[in-house]
Amino acid sequence: MAQKSFDDPALRACMAQYLATAVALDEAADLGAEPRDVLELAEAKAMAGMALRRRLGELGWSVSGPQHTSL
């Protein structure tokens, strides 16, 4: 698969949506918003992250090496 340009309007839109949702979640958490509102924003952030990752994959991006997660 040939790598496509990352200068893509759909990619920029996905990035903007992810960042806007992340900011909204941070602000809600900082202000002590209702737990349900925080959960809804967290879900929206996760969905925006999945859309961003999908678009990056469509443009030829892939994760290199093992992914490590720790809590």
Protein backbone atom coordinates (compact mmCIF):
# COMPACT_ATOMS: atom_id res chain seq x y z
CA MET A 1 0.00 0.00 0.00
CA ALA A 2 1.45 3.34 -1.03
CA GLN A 3 1.67 5.91 1.72
CA LYS A 4 -0.56 8.91 1.18
CA SER A 5 0.02 12.47 2.25
CA PHE A 6 -0.87 13.36 5.80
CA ASP A 7 -1.89 16.82 4.54
CA ASP A 8 -5.50 15.69 4.36
CA PRO A 9 -8.63 17.70 5.24
CA ALA A 10 -10.39 14.66 6.73
CA LEU A 11 -7.35 13.90 8.90
CA ARG A 12 -7.21 17.49 10.13
CA ALA A 13 -10.92 17.34 10.93
CA CYS A 14 -10.41 14.12 12.93
CA MET A 15 -7.49 15.68 14.80
CA ALA A 16 -9.49 18.83 15.57
CA GLN A 17 -12.45 16.78 16.83
CA TYR A 18 -10.20 14.64 19.03
CA LEU A 19 -8.47 17.69 20.53
CA ALA A 20 -11.72 19.59 21.09
CA THR A 21 -13.23 16.59 22.84
CA ALA A 22 -10.11 16.10 24.98
CA VAL A 23 -10.20 19.75 26.05
CA ALA A 24 -13.91 19.53 26.88
CA LEU A 25 -13.29 16.41 28.96
CA ASP A 26 -10.41 18.04 30.85
CA GLU A 27 -12.48 21.14 31.56
CA ALA A 28 -15.47 19.11 32.73
CA ALA A 29 -13.30 17.05 35.04
CA ASP A 30 -11.55 20.14 36.42
CA LEU A 31 -14.85 21.89 37.09
CA GLY A 32 -16.38 18.90 38.87
CA ALA A 33 -19.07 18.23 36.29
CA GLU A 34 -21.71 15.59 36.84
CA PRO A 35 -20.22 12.09 36.57
CA ARG A 36 -22.58 11.18 33.72
CA ASP A 37 -21.39 14.20 31.71
CA VAL A 38 -17.75 13.26 32.28
CA LEU A 39 -18.47 9.67 31.19
CA GLU A 40 -20.20 10.87 28.03
CA LEU A 41 -17.26 13.11 27.18
CA ALA A 42 -14.84 10.26 27.84
CA GLU A 43 -16.82 8.07 25.46
CA ALA A 44 -16.85 10.84 22.85
CA LYS A 45 -13.07 11.19 23.21
CA ALA A 46 -12.60 7.45 22.73
CA MET A 47 -14.79 7.50 19.62
CA ALA A 48 -12.91 10.50 18.22
CA GLY A 49 -9.64 8.69 18.90
CA MET A 50 -10.84 5.63 17.01
CA ALA A 51 -11.90 7.80 14.06
CA LEU A 52 -8.50 9.49 14.06
CA ARG A 53 -6.65 6.18 14.18
CA ARG A 54 -8.84 4.78 11.37
CA ARG A 55 -8.11 7.81 9.18
CA LEU A 56 -4.39 7.54 9.88
CA GLY A 57 -4.54 3.88 8.87
CA GLU A 58 -6.31 4.80 5.65
CA LEU A 59 -3.42 7.15 4.90
CA GLY A 60 -0.80 4.45 5.41
CA TRP A 61 0.22 5.06 9.01
CA SER A 62 0.83 2.03 11.20
CA VAL A 63 2.17 1.45 14.66
CA SER A 64 5.74 0.20 14.57
CA GLY A 65 7.01 -2.10 17.25
CA PRO A 66 5.18 -3.48 20.26
CA GLN A 67 2.76 -1.32 22.16
CA HIS A 68 3.24 -1.27 25.90
CA THR A 69 0.53 -0.34 28.30
CA SER A 70 0.90 0.10 32.00
CA LEU A 71 -1.42 1.40 34.65
